Protein backbone atom coordinates (compact mmCIF):
# COMPACT_ATOMS: atom_id res chain seq x y z
CA MET A 1 56.77 -38.95 4.71
CA GLY A 2 57.73 -37.58 8.09
CA ASN A 3 57.68 -34.01 9.33
CA PRO A 4 58.64 -31.67 6.44
CA GLU A 5 59.72 -28.98 8.92
CA ARG A 6 62.78 -30.99 9.94
CA TYR A 7 64.18 -30.69 6.38
CA ARG A 8 63.94 -26.90 6.28
CA SER A 9 66.06 -24.42 8.18
CA GLN A 10 64.38 -21.87 10.42
CA HIS A 11 65.35 -19.12 7.97
CA GLY A 12 64.18 -20.78 4.75
CA LYS A 13 67.75 -21.55 3.65
CA PHE A 14 68.94 -24.79 2.14
CA LEU A 15 70.22 -27.25 4.72
CA TRP A 16 72.46 -28.94 2.14
CA LYS A 17 73.18 -29.18 -1.58
CA VAL A 18 75.18 -31.79 -3.49
CA PRO A 19 76.02 -32.21 -7.19
CA LEU A 20 73.96 -35.12 -8.51
CA GLY A 21 75.45 -37.34 -11.18
CA SER A 22 78.44 -37.05 -13.46
CA TYR A 23 79.29 -36.95 -17.15
CA PRO A 24 81.30 -39.99 -18.33
CA GLU A 25 83.59 -37.82 -20.50
CA LEU A 26 84.51 -35.63 -17.52
CA ALA A 27 84.84 -38.59 -15.14
CA ALA A 28 87.28 -40.22 -17.62
CA GLU A 29 89.44 -37.09 -17.30
CA GLY A 30 89.39 -37.30 -13.49
CA LEU A 31 86.65 -34.71 -12.97
CA SER A 32 84.13 -36.42 -10.71
CA ASN A 33 81.22 -35.10 -8.68
CA THR A 34 80.33 -32.53 -11.36
CA GLY A 35 76.59 -33.03 -11.37
CA SER A 36 74.69 -33.71 -14.60
CA GLU A 37 71.42 -33.16 -16.39
CA ASN A 38 68.60 -34.59 -14.22
CA TYR A 39 65.05 -35.80 -14.83
CA GLY A 40 63.02 -37.08 -11.88
CA GLY A 41 62.74 -36.17 -8.24
CA PRO A 42 63.34 -37.65 -4.81
CA VAL A 43 61.24 -39.67 -2.42
CA ILE A 44 61.81 -39.42 1.33
CA THR A 45 61.01 -42.26 3.73
CA ALA A 46 59.47 -41.71 7.16
CA SER A 47 62.89 -42.36 8.68
CA GLY A 48 64.43 -39.48 6.70
CA VAL A 49 66.24 -41.34 3.92
CA LEU A 50 66.07 -39.50 0.58
CA PHE A 51 66.22 -41.72 -2.54
CA ILE A 52 66.94 -40.20 -5.95
CA ALA A 53 68.27 -41.40 -9.30
CA ALA A 54 67.33 -38.77 -11.96
CA THR A 55 70.75 -38.75 -13.68
CA ILE A 56 71.00 -39.60 -17.36
CA TYR A 57 74.60 -40.71 -17.73
CA ASP A 58 75.90 -42.41 -14.59
CA HIS A 59 73.00 -44.87 -14.05
CA GLN A 60 73.07 -44.64 -10.25
CA ILE A 61 70.40 -44.52 -7.58
CA ARG A 62 71.48 -42.84 -4.37
CA ALA A 63 70.26 -42.59 -0.78
CA PHE A 64 71.08 -39.51 1.28
CA ASP A 65 70.52 -38.66 4.92
CA SER A 66 67.91 -35.94 4.45
CA SER A 67 69.08 -34.02 7.52
CA ASN A 68 72.65 -33.38 6.31
CA GLY A 69 73.03 -34.58 2.69
CA LYS A 70 75.49 -37.37 3.50
CA LEU A 71 75.49 -40.13 0.89
CA ILE A 72 74.62 -43.34 2.75
CA TRP A 73 74.12 -45.79 -0.13
CA HIS A 74 74.21 -46.05 -3.92
CA SER A 75 73.74 -48.75 -6.52
CA ASP A 76 74.14 -49.19 -10.26
CA LEU A 77 71.04 -49.28 -12.47
CA PRO A 78 70.79 -51.05 -15.84
CA PHE A 79 69.66 -47.80 -17.52
CA ALA A 80 69.18 -44.18 -16.46
CA GLY A 81 66.80 -43.69 -13.55
CA VAL A 82 65.00 -40.71 -15.06
CA ALA A 83 61.92 -40.98 -12.86
CA THR A 84 60.93 -40.33 -9.27
CA PRO A 85 61.31 -43.49 -7.15
CA SER A 86 58.34 -44.93 -5.27
CA THR A 87 58.30 -46.73 -1.97
CA TYR A 88 55.85 -49.42 -0.87
CA MET A 89 55.44 -52.16 1.74
CA VAL A 90 54.60 -55.84 1.36
CA ASP A 91 54.15 -58.02 4.46
CA GLY A 92 55.93 -55.45 6.64
CA LYS A 93 58.97 -55.15 4.32
CA GLN A 94 59.66 -51.76 2.67
CA TYR A 95 60.86 -51.46 -0.93
CA VAL A 96 61.99 -48.67 -3.27
CA VAL A 97 61.29 -49.07 -7.00
CA ILE A 98 62.45 -46.94 -9.93
CA ALA A 99 61.67 -46.98 -13.65
CA THR A 100 64.85 -46.88 -15.76
CA SER A 101 65.30 -46.04 -19.45
CA ASN A 102 67.99 -44.75 -21.79
CA ALA A 103 65.46 -42.94 -24.01
CA ARG A 104 66.96 -39.51 -23.15
CA ASP A 105 70.47 -40.56 -24.19
CA PRO A 106 70.45 -41.53 -27.89
CA LYS A 107 74.14 -42.56 -27.71
CA ALA A 108 73.47 -45.23 -25.05
CA PRO A 109 72.16 -48.76 -25.65
CA GLN A 110 68.39 -48.54 -25.56
CA GLY A 111 66.23 -50.40 -23.09
CA ALA A 112 64.08 -50.02 -20.02
CA ALA A 113 63.45 -51.86 -16.76
CA TYR A 114 61.84 -51.46 -13.35
CA VAL A 115 64.32 -52.03 -10.52
CA ALA A 116 63.28 -52.63 -6.90
CA PHE A 117 65.40 -52.64 -3.76
CA ALA A 118 64.40 -54.06 -0.37
CA LEU A 119 65.23 -51.80 2.57
CA PRO A 120 66.93 -53.32 5.63
């Protein structure tokens, strides 16, 4: 998981904050980057990449540079990623996996799936 001290300022202040997710109704009106209701947390790799999905409505998983909050990657998910991702290695290759489900959004098509991504 790396050294947790590098993610915290010397004065206990946040190093960065970003809105996570968006509401489709607001995005349709041109209001993006609003943030949305979230369920699930992040996982941070030893190299300092923070992976999080957690958003109900936009079905995205995102990777941020944990030192400055810059978005470095994102991908669509089949359903909401309302879980904390996990990371694991097989034969020297690292993966991130997330459980997805639309159970918290009764208006959305229902379903669930595990989605895994191989890291470069």
